[in-house]
Protein backbone atom coordinates (compact mmCIF):
# COMPACT_ATOMS: atom_id res chain seq x y z
CA MET A 1 86.39 -100.95 8.52
CA THR A 2 83.22 -102.86 7.83
CA SER A 3 82.01 -103.91 4.38
CA PRO A 4 78.61 -102.55 3.33
CA SER A 5 76.75 -106.01 3.69
CA THR A 6 77.93 -105.91 7.32
CA THR A 7 75.97 -102.60 7.94
CA ASP A 8 73.01 -103.88 6.24
CA ALA A 9 72.84 -106.69 8.28
CA ASP A 10 73.21 -104.64 11.49
CA ALA A 11 70.44 -102.22 10.31
CA THR A 12 68.22 -105.07 9.63
CA ARG A 13 69.23 -106.39 12.79
CA ALA A 14 68.26 -103.11 14.34
CA ALA A 15 64.84 -102.74 12.69
CA ARG A 16 64.14 -106.16 13.46
CA PHE A 17 64.69 -105.65 17.30
CA PRO A 18 64.62 -101.90 17.88
CA ARG A 19 65.50 -100.86 21.27
CA GLY A 20 63.99 -102.22 24.44
CA ALA A 21 62.71 -105.24 22.28
CA VAL A 22 65.73 -107.43 23.14
CA ALA A 23 64.72 -106.62 26.97
CA ASP A 24 61.23 -107.54 26.42
CA LEU A 25 62.56 -111.20 25.04
CA VAL A 26 64.32 -111.86 27.57
CA ILE A 27 62.16 -110.83 30.18
CA GLY A 28 59.67 -113.33 28.50
CA VAL A 29 62.03 -116.32 28.25
CA VAL A 30 63.12 -115.66 31.67
CA THR A 31 59.31 -115.57 33.11
CA ALA A 32 58.57 -118.56 31.16
CA LEU A 33 61.50 -120.36 32.55
CA GLY A 34 60.48 -119.41 36.17
CA GLY A 35 57.10 -120.22 35.54
CA GLY A 36 57.99 -123.61 34.25
CA ALA A 37 59.92 -124.11 37.34
CA THR A 38 57.15 -122.93 39.75
CA ILE A 39 55.31 -125.54 38.27
CA ALA A 40 57.70 -128.23 38.27
CA TYR A 41 58.26 -127.63 42.20
CA ALA A 42 54.45 -127.47 42.79
CA LEU A 43 53.82 -130.95 41.08
CA THR A 44 56.06 -132.12 44.18
CA MET A 45 53.75 -130.77 46.66
CA PRO A 46 51.75 -133.57 48.33
CA THR A 47 47.92 -133.85 47.56
CA LEU A 48 45.02 -133.93 50.11
CA ASP A 49 43.67 -137.46 51.51
CA GLY A 50 40.27 -136.70 50.20
CA GLY A 51 42.11 -136.29 46.69
CA GLY A 52 41.99 -132.39 46.73
CA PRO A 53 44.35 -130.26 45.12
CA GLY A 54 46.95 -129.53 48.09
CA PRO A 55 48.87 -127.17 48.61
CA GLY A 56 50.41 -126.89 45.32
CA LEU A 57 47.40 -125.85 43.55
CA PHE A 58 48.25 -121.78 43.66
CA PRO A 59 51.78 -122.11 42.83
CA GLY A 60 50.74 -124.42 40.16
CA ILE A 61 48.11 -121.69 38.34
CA ILE A 62 50.75 -118.74 38.96
CA GLY A 63 53.22 -120.68 37.25
CA GLY A 64 51.13 -121.72 34.58
CA ALA A 65 50.59 -117.52 34.31
CA LEU A 66 53.87 -116.63 34.33
CA VAL A 67 54.57 -119.47 31.44
CA LEU A 68 52.09 -118.08 28.96
CA PHE A 69 52.33 -114.76 29.93
CA GLY A 70 56.17 -115.24 29.48
CA LEU A 71 55.48 -116.71 26.48
CA VAL A 72 53.34 -113.96 24.71
CA LEU A 73 56.03 -111.55 25.67
CA ALA A 74 58.40 -113.42 23.75
CA VAL A 75 56.38 -114.04 20.72
CA LYS A 76 54.93 -110.61 20.73
CA THR A 77 58.27 -109.02 20.93
CA LEU A 78 59.73 -111.77 18.06
CA VAL A 79 56.62 -110.91 15.70
CA ARG A 80 55.99 -107.23 16.28
CA PRO A 81 56.69 -105.37 12.94
CA ALA A 82 59.72 -102.52 13.65
CA ALA A 83 56.79 -100.18 12.17
CA ALA A 84 54.77 -100.56 14.86
CA ASP A 85 57.62 -100.06 17.15
CA ALA A 86 57.96 -96.83 15.32
CA VAL A 87 54.68 -95.80 15.65
CA GLU A 88 54.49 -96.92 19.35
CA ALA A 89 57.45 -94.70 20.17
CA GLU A 90 55.96 -91.39 18.50
CA SER A 91 52.42 -91.36 20.58
CA ALA A 92 52.88 -90.86 24.11
CA LEU A 93 49.66 -92.75 25.44
CA PRO A 94 47.92 -95.61 23.47
CA PRO A 95 44.34 -94.44 22.84
CA GLU A 96 42.96 -97.06 25.66
CA THR A 97 45.24 -95.62 28.18
CA GLU A 98 42.87 -92.71 28.72
CA SER A 99 39.71 -94.97 29.39
CA ILE A 100 41.85 -96.65 31.95
CA LYS A 101 42.73 -93.30 33.50
CA ARG A 102 38.89 -92.20 33.67
CA ILE A 103 38.26 -95.77 35.39
CA ALA A 104 41.20 -95.98 37.49
CA ASP A 105 41.10 -92.42 38.30
CA VAL A 106 45.23 -92.68 38.12
CA GLU A 107 48.02 -90.36 36.86
CA THR A 108 49.28 -92.45 33.88
CA SER A 109 51.98 -89.70 32.74
CA THR A 110 55.37 -90.94 32.44
CA LEU A 111 57.04 -91.90 35.68
CA SER A 112 60.38 -90.14 37.01
CA LEU A 113 63.19 -92.63 38.30
CA ARG A 114 62.68 -90.75 41.44
CA ARG A 115 58.51 -91.74 41.18
CA ALA A 116 59.65 -95.13 40.13
CA VAL A 117 61.99 -95.89 43.23
CA VAL A 118 59.29 -94.56 45.52
CA ASN A 119 56.42 -96.82 44.46
CA GLY A 120 58.83 -99.79 44.37
CA ALA A 121 60.11 -98.65 48.20
CA VAL A 122 55.73 -98.44 48.77
CA ILE A 123 55.39 -101.86 47.52
CA VAL A 124 58.21 -103.80 49.65
CA GLY A 125 57.46 -101.67 52.65
CA SER A 126 53.55 -103.05 52.28
CA ILE A 127 55.15 -106.53 52.21
CA LEU A 128 56.95 -105.92 55.10
CA PHE A 129 54.26 -103.85 56.89
CA TYR A 130 51.95 -107.08 56.20
CA VAL A 131 54.61 -109.42 57.60
CA LEU A 132 55.08 -107.69 60.83
CA ALA A 133 51.28 -106.32 61.38
CA ALA A 134 49.06 -109.21 60.28
CA ASP A 135 49.49 -111.31 63.31
CA HIS A 136 48.67 -108.34 65.61
CA LEU A 137 46.47 -106.41 63.70
CA GLY A 138 44.69 -109.19 61.52
CA PHE A 139 43.94 -109.83 58.06
CA LEU A 140 41.17 -107.06 57.39
CA ILE A 141 43.10 -104.13 59.15
CA THR A 142 46.41 -104.96 57.65
CA MET A 143 44.78 -105.72 54.36
CA PHE A 144 43.00 -102.43 54.02
CA VAL A 145 46.21 -100.15 55.21
CA VAL A 146 48.39 -102.15 52.67
CA VAL A 147 45.60 -101.54 49.53
CA LEU A 148 45.13 -98.06 50.65
CA VAL A 149 48.47 -96.86 51.24
CA ASN A 150 49.63 -98.49 47.94
CA MET A 151 46.84 -96.80 45.87
CA LEU A 152 47.36 -93.51 47.23
CA ALA A 153 51.14 -93.66 46.48
CA LEU A 154 50.00 -94.68 42.97
CA ARG A 155 48.03 -91.21 43.14
CA ALA A 156 44.57 -93.01 42.94
CA LYS A 157 42.34 -90.29 44.34
CA ALA A 158 41.28 -90.30 48.47
CA LEU A 159 37.49 -91.45 48.02
CA THR A 160 38.33 -93.71 44.97
CA SER A 161 41.29 -95.42 47.04
CA LEU A 162 39.28 -95.75 50.41
CA ILE A 163 36.18 -97.53 48.54
CA SER A 164 38.71 -100.14 46.49
CA SER A 165 40.59 -100.65 49.91
CA LEU A 166 37.31 -101.53 51.68
CA VAL A 167 35.98 -103.67 48.59
CA LEU A 168 39.25 -105.62 48.04
CA THR A 169 40.05 -106.31 51.40
CA ILE A 170 36.67 -107.99 52.03
CA VAL A 171 36.46 -109.64 49.07
CA MET A 172 40.09 -111.26 49.68
CA TRP A 173 38.57 -112.03 53.16
CA LEU A 174 35.66 -113.61 51.91
CA VAL A 175 37.37 -115.64 49.08
CA PHE A 176 40.14 -117.07 51.35
CA GLU A 177 38.77 -117.39 54.69
CA LYS A 178 35.08 -118.89 53.84
CA ALA A 179 35.42 -120.04 50.14
CA LEU A 180 38.70 -121.68 50.67
CA LEU A 181 39.01 -122.04 54.18
CA VAL A 182 42.38 -120.48 54.58
CA GLN A 183 42.56 -119.50 57.94
CA LEU A 184 43.64 -115.35 58.24
CA PRO A 185 44.97 -113.44 61.04
CA ASP A 186 41.93 -112.34 63.34
CA GLY A 187 43.80 -109.53 65.07
CA LEU A 188 41.67 -107.09 67.08
CA LEU A 189 38.32 -107.43 65.09
CA PHE A 190 37.56 -110.94 66.16
């Protein structure tokens, strides 16, 4: 049998770390550590002869973002009061979700396990499709299809998906091909 002090300590610990908080803490710490490893690896990459940033720039930026957001998640989990978690659990959707829903035209209801698996499969399938099709179809066609399929899978409206896919694909092409001078697959259009 447990003593009353042990039960009080367990209740205090449970109030301090509600269900899901430990997972958030672990994910935050692991993400920050992964970001640190990414930064360390990016620093080993060579720089360009002209003193430019070289191939380690983007991995370094991504690693920095992983460290930052991992630490934010971990610290938020540690300092968040248990009362906020209780209020959060009671409300189905936070108030800001409604404005996001209106802007993105995306259904924000709770995902079923089946829907989550389908969404994950669409993401993995999109990556495989890009790898296999980009050299043949080119960046513009392949990326347009990838973005369109992902948006439709996430239940965005068809017109919103078409316009967003077109705009996003063109912006990515301009940024990488023209601004950063990254050679993207030409494919059928060029």
